[in-house]
């Protein structure tokens, strides 16, 4: 069997060298899925024992090492390496923290569904739900809250004012708008109506 130069393969029956697919530097057949090595700026993607392609970019759930696409750990969405502590991003219901995709965030952290990460402080319009350990949505009028109901607000959307723990368009008669914190504060004397 002849030793063929790069870009060609030996066909055993004819003892001749035949061209590989143009993306393949080394191959075991003429098709684009029979690559053993790739030309510059291409990556070898081995899908199974018989299908190996040369691709310009590795798929999302793979990482690159020495021009070869290697599969991420199954817990990762994207990764920087093949281990379970080398995740770069996660798919819900897993959350990223310290390079790992976990089903539950550690104590003191909550799962942020918007970013699939563990956070120590939930983003605006969500609150840390102690039962589910995730950042759950506030009531629609709240920008900050301590629970899901309209009576759980601690800060309000623009144009609304916080009266107790409820966001209102206008303050009650015994209160006035405090522009400093957009709240309805009690009048010390009589409120001017």
C-alpha atoms as a PDB file:
ATOM      1  CA  UNK A   1       0.000   0.000   0.000  1.00  0.00           C
ATOM      2  CA  UNK A   2       1.577   3.316  -1.083  1.00  0.00           C
ATOM      3  CA  UNK A   3       2.228   6.137   1.381  1.00  0.00           C
ATOM      4  CA  UNK A   4       0.266   9.092   0.002  1.00  0.00           C
ATOM      5  CA  UNK A   5       1.098  12.783   0.462  1.00  0.00           C
ATOM      6  CA  UNK A   6      -1.118  15.177   2.437  1.00  0.00           C
ATOM      7  CA  UNK A   7      -4.456  15.731   0.742  1.00  0.00           C
ATOM      8  CA  UNK A   8      -4.574  12.208  -0.686  1.00  0.00           C
ATOM      9  CA  UNK A   9      -5.471   8.706   0.509  1.00  0.00           C
ATOM     10  CA  UNK A  10      -4.503   5.227  -0.605  1.00  0.00           C
ATOM     11  CA  UNK A  11      -7.197   3.111  -2.135  1.00  0.00           C
ATOM     12  CA  UNK A  12      -6.135  -0.419  -1.202  1.00  0.00           C
ATOM     13  CA  UNK A  13      -7.534  -2.244  -4.215  1.00  0.00           C
ATOM     14  CA  UNK A  14      -5.835  -0.091  -6.865  1.00  0.00           C
ATOM     15  CA  UNK A  15      -2.702   0.897  -4.872  1.00  0.00           C
ATOM     16  CA  UNK A  16      -3.097   4.456  -6.098  1.00  0.00           C
ATOM     17  CA  UNK A  17      -3.314   7.773  -4.280  1.00  0.00           C
ATOM     18  CA  UNK A  18      -6.620   9.601  -4.692  1.00  0.00           C
ATOM     19  CA  UNK A  19      -7.564  13.139  -3.612  1.00  0.00           C
ATOM     20  CA  UNK A  20      -9.252  13.846  -0.275  1.00  0.00           C
ATOM     21  CA  UNK A  21     -12.063  16.355   0.092  1.00  0.00           C
ATOM     22  CA  UNK A  22     -10.480  19.873  -0.165  1.00  0.00           C
ATOM     23  CA  UNK A  23     -11.011  20.559   3.579  1.00  0.00           C
ATOM     24  CA  UNK A  24      -9.177  17.384   4.612  1.00  0.00           C
ATOM     25  CA  UNK A  25      -5.403  17.379   5.061  1.00  0.00           C
ATOM     26  CA  UNK A  26      -5.493  13.630   5.737  1.00  0.00           C
ATOM     27  CA  UNK A  27      -8.370  11.255   5.012  1.00  0.00           C
ATOM     28  CA  UNK A  28      -9.446   7.623   4.614  1.00  0.00           C
ATOM     29  CA  UNK A  29     -11.786   8.287   1.668  1.00  0.00           C
ATOM     30  CA  UNK A  30     -12.841  10.980  -0.820  1.00  0.00           C
ATOM     31  CA  UNK A  31     -15.954  12.270   1.006  1.00  0.00           C
ATOM     32  CA  UNK A  32     -16.149  15.309   3.294  1.00  0.00           C
ATOM     33  CA  UNK A  33     -17.012  13.019   6.241  1.00  0.00           C
ATOM     34  CA  UNK A  34     -13.876  10.853   5.889  1.00  0.00           C
ATOM     35  CA  UNK A  35     -11.271  13.278   7.257  1.00  0.00           C
ATOM     36  CA  UNK A  36      -8.455  12.336   9.652  1.00  0.00           C
ATOM     37  CA  UNK A  37      -6.867  15.798   9.762  1.00  0.00           C
ATOM     38  CA  UNK A  38      -7.758  19.239   8.425  1.00  0.00           C
ATOM     39  CA  UNK A  39      -6.160  22.033   6.437  1.00  0.00           C
ATOM     40  CA  UNK A  40      -5.145  25.226   8.306  1.00  0.00           C
ATOM     41  CA  UNK A  41      -7.945  27.141  10.053  1.00  0.00           C
ATOM     42  CA  UNK A  42     -10.252  24.090  10.025  1.00  0.00           C
ATOM     43  CA  UNK A  43     -11.158  21.830  12.952  1.00  0.00           C
ATOM     44  CA  UNK A  44     -11.714  18.068  12.952  1.00  0.00           C
ATOM     45  CA  UNK A  45     -15.196  17.150  14.171  1.00  0.00           C
ATOM     46  CA  UNK A  46     -15.507  13.420  14.827  1.00  0.00           C
ATOM     47  CA  UNK A  47     -19.187  12.552  15.154  1.00  0.00           C
ATOM     48  CA  UNK A  48     -18.712   8.762  15.367  1.00  0.00           C
ATOM     49  CA  UNK A  49     -16.323   6.027  14.171  1.00  0.00           C
ATOM     50  CA  UNK A  50     -17.109   6.596  10.481  1.00  0.00           C
ATOM     51  CA  UNK A  51     -17.993  10.310  10.253  1.00  0.00           C
ATOM     52  CA  UNK A  52     -15.242  12.919  10.737  1.00  0.00           C
ATOM     53  CA  UNK A  53     -15.685  16.345   9.153  1.00  0.00           C
ATOM     54  CA  UNK A  54     -13.465  19.408   8.834  1.00  0.00           C
ATOM     55  CA  UNK A  55     -15.395  22.457  10.002  1.00  0.00           C
ATOM     56  CA  UNK A  56     -14.515  26.149  10.199  1.00  0.00           C
ATOM     57  CA  UNK A  57     -16.000  26.411  13.707  1.00  0.00           C
ATOM     58  CA  UNK A  58     -16.768  23.811  16.364  1.00  0.00           C
ATOM     59  CA  UNK A  59     -20.441  23.394  17.376  1.00  0.00           C
ATOM     60  CA  UNK A  60     -21.725  25.138  20.510  1.00  0.00           C
ATOM     61  CA  UNK A  61     -21.341  22.163  22.864  1.00  0.00           C
ATOM     62  CA  UNK A  62     -17.709  21.495  21.812  1.00  0.00           C
ATOM     63  CA  UNK A  63     -14.374  23.101  22.652  1.00  0.00           C
ATOM     64  CA  UNK A  64     -11.212  23.294  20.540  1.00  0.00           C
ATOM     65  CA  UNK A  65      -7.953  21.628  21.421  1.00  0.00           C
ATOM     66  CA  UNK A  66      -5.098  21.294  18.878  1.00  0.00           C
ATOM     67  CA  UNK A  67      -7.467  21.857  15.911  1.00  0.00           C
ATOM     68  CA  UNK A  68      -9.833  19.118  17.090  1.00  0.00           C
ATOM     69  CA  UNK A  69     -13.407  19.689  18.270  1.00  0.00           C
ATOM     70  CA  UNK A  70     -13.946  17.853  21.551  1.00  0.00           C
ATOM     71  CA  UNK A  71     -17.321  17.437  23.235  1.00  0.00           C
ATOM     72  CA  UNK A  72     -18.067  19.405  26.415  1.00  0.00           C
ATOM     73  CA  UNK A  73     -19.114  17.600  29.577  1.00  0.00           C
ATOM     74  CA  UNK A  74     -22.804  16.743  29.256  1.00  0.00           C
ATOM     75  CA  UNK A  75     -23.714  19.182  32.072  1.00  0.00           C
ATOM     76  CA  UNK A  76     -22.371  22.184  30.068  1.00  0.00           C
ATOM     77  CA  UNK A  77     -24.008  24.171  27.265  1.00  0.00           C
ATOM     78  CA  UNK A  78     -20.644  25.668  26.237  1.00  0.00           C
ATOM     79  CA  UNK A  79     -17.230  25.045  27.773  1.00  0.00           C
ATOM     80  CA  UNK A  80     -13.519  25.812  27.818  1.00  0.00           C
ATOM     81  CA  UNK A  81     -12.523  22.170  28.393  1.00  0.00           C
ATOM     82  CA  UNK A  82     -13.923  18.686  28.742  1.00  0.00           C
ATOM     83  CA  UNK A  83     -14.329  18.510  32.535  1.00  0.00           C
ATOM     84  CA  UNK A  84     -17.487  19.114  34.574  1.00  0.00           C
ATOM     85  CA  UNK A  85     -15.782  22.169  36.149  1.00  0.00           C
ATOM     86  CA  UNK A  86     -14.895  23.739  32.775  1.00  0.00           C
ATOM     87  CA  UNK A  87     -18.349  25.003  31.755  1.00  0.00           C
ATOM     88  CA  UNK A  88     -18.730  28.466  30.262  1.00  0.00           C
ATOM     89  CA  UNK A  89     -22.553  28.482  30.094  1.00  0.00           C
ATOM     90  CA  UNK A  90     -25.452  26.220  31.040  1.00  0.00           C
ATOM     91  CA  UNK A  91     -28.907  25.247  29.819  1.00  0.00           C
ATOM     92  CA  UNK A  92     -31.798  25.532  32.279  1.00  0.00           C
ATOM     93  CA  UNK A  93     -32.576  23.916  34.672  1.00  0.00           C
ATOM     94  CA  UNK A  94     -28.835  24.088  35.438  1.00  0.00           C
ATOM     95  CA  UNK A  95     -27.083  27.227  36.697  1.00  0.00           C
ATOM     96  CA  UNK A  96     -23.440  28.262  36.233  1.00  0.00           C
ATOM     97  CA  UNK A  97     -21.219  28.947  39.225  1.00  0.00           C
ATOM     98  CA  UNK A  98     -17.421  28.573  39.391  1.00  0.00           C
ATOM     99  CA  UNK A  99     -17.269  26.771  36.030  1.00  0.00           C
ATOM    100  CA  UNK A 100     -19.895  24.185  36.997  1.00  0.00           C
ATOM    101  CA  UNK A 101     -23.495  23.725  35.837  1.00  0.00           C
ATOM    102  CA  UNK A 102     -25.516  22.754  38.911  1.00  0.00           C
ATOM    103  CA  UNK A 103     -29.187  21.842  39.310  1.00  0.00           C
ATOM    104  CA  UNK A 104     -29.295  23.831  42.572  1.00  0.00           C
ATOM    105  CA  UNK A 105     -27.234  26.870  43.527  1.00  0.00           C
ATOM    106  CA  UNK A 106     -25.206  26.702  46.748  1.00  0.00           C
ATOM    107  CA  UNK A 107     -26.423  28.351  49.981  1.00  0.00           C
ATOM    108  CA  UNK A 108     -26.605  32.132  49.655  1.00  0.00           C
ATOM    109  CA  UNK A 109     -27.116  31.990  45.862  1.00  0.00           C
ATOM    110  CA  UNK A 110     -30.216  31.862  43.681  1.00  0.00           C
ATOM    111  CA  UNK A 111     -30.749  30.626  40.129  1.00  0.00           C
ATOM    112  CA  UNK A 112     -31.272  33.451  37.621  1.00  0.00           C
ATOM    113  CA  UNK A 113     -33.356  31.993  34.784  1.00  0.00           C
ATOM    114  CA  UNK A 114     -32.515  34.908  32.461  1.00  0.00           C
ATOM    115  CA  UNK A 115     -28.781  34.089  32.488  1.00  0.00           C
ATOM    116  CA  UNK A 116     -28.754  30.461  33.777  1.00  0.00           C
ATOM    117  CA  UNK A 117     -26.262  31.544  36.464  1.00  0.00           C
ATOM    118  CA  UNK A 118     -26.175  31.471  40.267  1.00  0.00           C
ATOM    119  CA  UNK A 119     -26.347  34.999  41.696  1.00  0.00           C
ATOM    120  CA  UNK A 120     -26.078  36.317  45.241  1.00  0.00           C
ATOM    121  CA  UNK A 121     -28.439  39.204  44.404  1.00  0.00           C
ATOM    122  CA  UNK A 122     -31.427  38.749  42.114  1.00  0.00           C
ATOM    123  CA  UNK A 123     -31.763  41.222  39.213  1.00  0.00           C
ATOM    124  CA  UNK A 124     -34.428  43.942  38.972  1.00  0.00           C
ATOM    125  CA  UNK A 125     -38.027  42.731  38.794  1.00  0.00           C
ATOM    126  CA  UNK A 126     -37.172  39.436  40.538  1.00  0.00           C
ATOM    127  CA  UNK A 127     -36.836  38.336  44.158  1.00  0.00           C
ATOM    128  CA  UNK A 128     -34.957  35.478  45.876  1.00  0.00           C
ATOM    129  CA  UNK A 129     -37.584  32.748  46.360  1.00  0.00           C
ATOM    130  CA  UNK A 130     -36.502  30.776  49.435  1.00  0.00           C
ATOM    131  CA  UNK A 131     -38.628  27.726  48.497  1.00  0.00           C
ATOM    132  CA  UNK A 132     -37.424  27.253  44.911  1.00  0.00           C
ATOM    133  CA  UNK A 133     -33.984  28.895  45.388  1.00  0.00           C
ATOM    134  CA  UNK A 134     -34.446  30.804  42.112  1.00  0.00           C
ATOM    135  CA  UNK A 135     -35.005  34.473  41.252  1.00  0.00           C
ATOM    136  CA  UNK A 136     -38.772  34.581  40.718  1.00  0.00           C
ATOM    137  CA  UNK A 137     -40.665  37.415  38.983  1.00  0.00           C
ATOM    138  CA  UNK A 138     -42.088  40.340  40.952  1.00  0.00           C
ATOM    139  CA  UNK A 139     -45.600  41.657  40.354  1.00  0.00           C
ATOM    140  CA  UNK A 140     -45.637  43.698  37.097  1.00  0.00           C
ATOM    141  CA  UNK A 141     -45.648  47.151  38.785  1.00  0.00           C
ATOM    142  CA  UNK A 142     -42.624  46.403  41.036  1.00  0.00           C
ATOM    143  CA  UNK A 143     -38.956  46.904  40.132  1.00  0.00           C
ATOM    144  CA  UNK A 144     -37.891  45.437  43.506  1.00  0.00           C
ATOM    145  CA  UNK A 145     -39.959  43.155  45.704  1.00  0.00           C
ATOM    146  CA  UNK A 146     -39.923  40.539  48.464  1.00  0.00           C
ATOM    147  CA  UNK A 147     -42.573  38.256  46.882  1.00  0.00           C
ATOM    148  CA  UNK A 148     -44.804  37.730  43.850  1.00  0.00           C
ATOM    149  CA  UNK A 149     -47.857  39.765  44.902  1.00  0.00           C
ATOM    150  CA  UNK A 150     -48.851  43.416  44.339  1.00  0.00           C
ATOM    151  CA  UNK A 151     -48.448  43.914  48.117  1.00  0.00           C
ATOM    152  CA  UNK A 152     -44.791  42.743  48.080  1.00  0.00           C
ATOM    153  CA  UNK A 153     -43.196  45.749  46.321  1.00  0.00           C
ATOM    154  CA  UNK A 154     -40.210  47.639  47.745  1.00  0.00           C
ATOM    155  CA  UNK A 155     -39.650  49.850  44.640  1.00  0.00           C
ATOM    156  CA  UNK A 156     -41.947  50.758  41.739  1.00  0.00           C
ATOM    157  CA  UNK A 157     -41.838  51.171  37.979  1.00  0.00           C
ATOM    158  CA  UNK A 158     -41.478  54.712  36.586  1.00  0.00           C
ATOM    159  CA  UNK A 159     -44.626  56.785  37.064  1.00  0.00           C
ATOM    160  CA  UNK A 160     -45.779  54.801  40.106  1.00  0.00           C
ATOM    161  CA  UNK A 161     -45.277  55.521  43.811  1.00  0.00           C
ATOM    162  CA  UNK A 162     -44.692  53.114  46.685  1.00  0.00           C
ATOM    163  CA  UNK A 163     -47.432  53.316  49.324  1.00  0.00           C
ATOM    164  CA  UNK A 164     -46.626  50.792  52.018  1.00  0.00           C
ATOM    165  CA  UNK A 165     -45.699  47.802  49.839  1.00  0.00           C
ATOM    166  CA  UNK A 166     -48.084  48.593  46.938  1.00  0.00           C
ATOM    167  CA  UNK A 167     -47.317  50.639  43.806  1.00  0.00           C
ATOM    168  CA  UNK A 168     -49.959  53.280  43.116  1.00  0.00           C
ATOM    169  CA  UNK A 169     -50.546  55.995  40.506  1.00  0.00           C
ATOM    170  CA  UNK A 170     -51.597  58.550  43.139  1.00  0.00           C
ATOM    171  CA  UNK A 171     -50.974  58.730  46.860  1.00  0.00           C
ATOM    172  CA  UNK A 172     -53.847  58.434  49.350  1.00  0.00           C
ATOM    173  CA  UNK A 173     -55.278  61.675  50.748  1.00  0.00           C
ATOM    174  CA  UNK A 174     -53.319  61.360  54.008  1.00  0.00           C
ATOM    175  CA  UNK A 175     -49.997  61.042  52.159  1.00  0.00           C
ATOM    176  CA  UNK A 176     -47.775  63.076  49.828  1.00  0.00           C
ATOM    177  CA  UNK A 177     -45.321  62.134  47.068  1.00  0.00           C
ATOM    178  CA  UNK A 178     -41.728  62.067  48.265  1.00  0.00           C
ATOM    179  CA  UNK A 179     -39.812  62.666  45.000  1.00  0.00           C
ATOM    180  CA  UNK A 180     -36.520  61.514  46.555  1.00  0.00           C
ATOM    181  CA  UNK A 181     -37.570  57.863  46.697  1.00  0.00           C
ATOM    182  CA  UNK A 182     -40.855  57.892  44.697  1.00  0.00           C
ATOM    183  CA  UNK A 183     -42.866  56.915  47.760  1.00  0.00           C
ATOM    184  CA  UNK A 184     -46.049  58.084  49.421  1.00  0.00           C
ATOM    185  CA  UNK A 185     -45.086  59.398  52.860  1.00  0.00           C
ATOM    186  CA  UNK A 186     -47.513  60.296  55.652  1.00  0.00           C
ATOM    187  CA  UNK A 187     -48.228  63.961  56.119  1.00  0.00           C
ATOM    188  CA  UNK A 188     -46.944  65.383  59.411  1.00  0.00           C
ATOM    189  CA  UNK A 189     -49.683  67.990  59.600  1.00  0.00           C
ATOM    190  CA  UNK A 190     -52.676  68.196  57.311  1.00  0.00           C
ATOM    191  CA  UNK A 191     -52.004  67.384  53.676  1.00  0.00           C
ATOM    192  CA  UNK A 192     -52.789  70.156  51.237  1.00  0.00           C
ATOM    193  CA  UNK A 193     -55.466  68.826  48.908  1.00  0.00           C
END
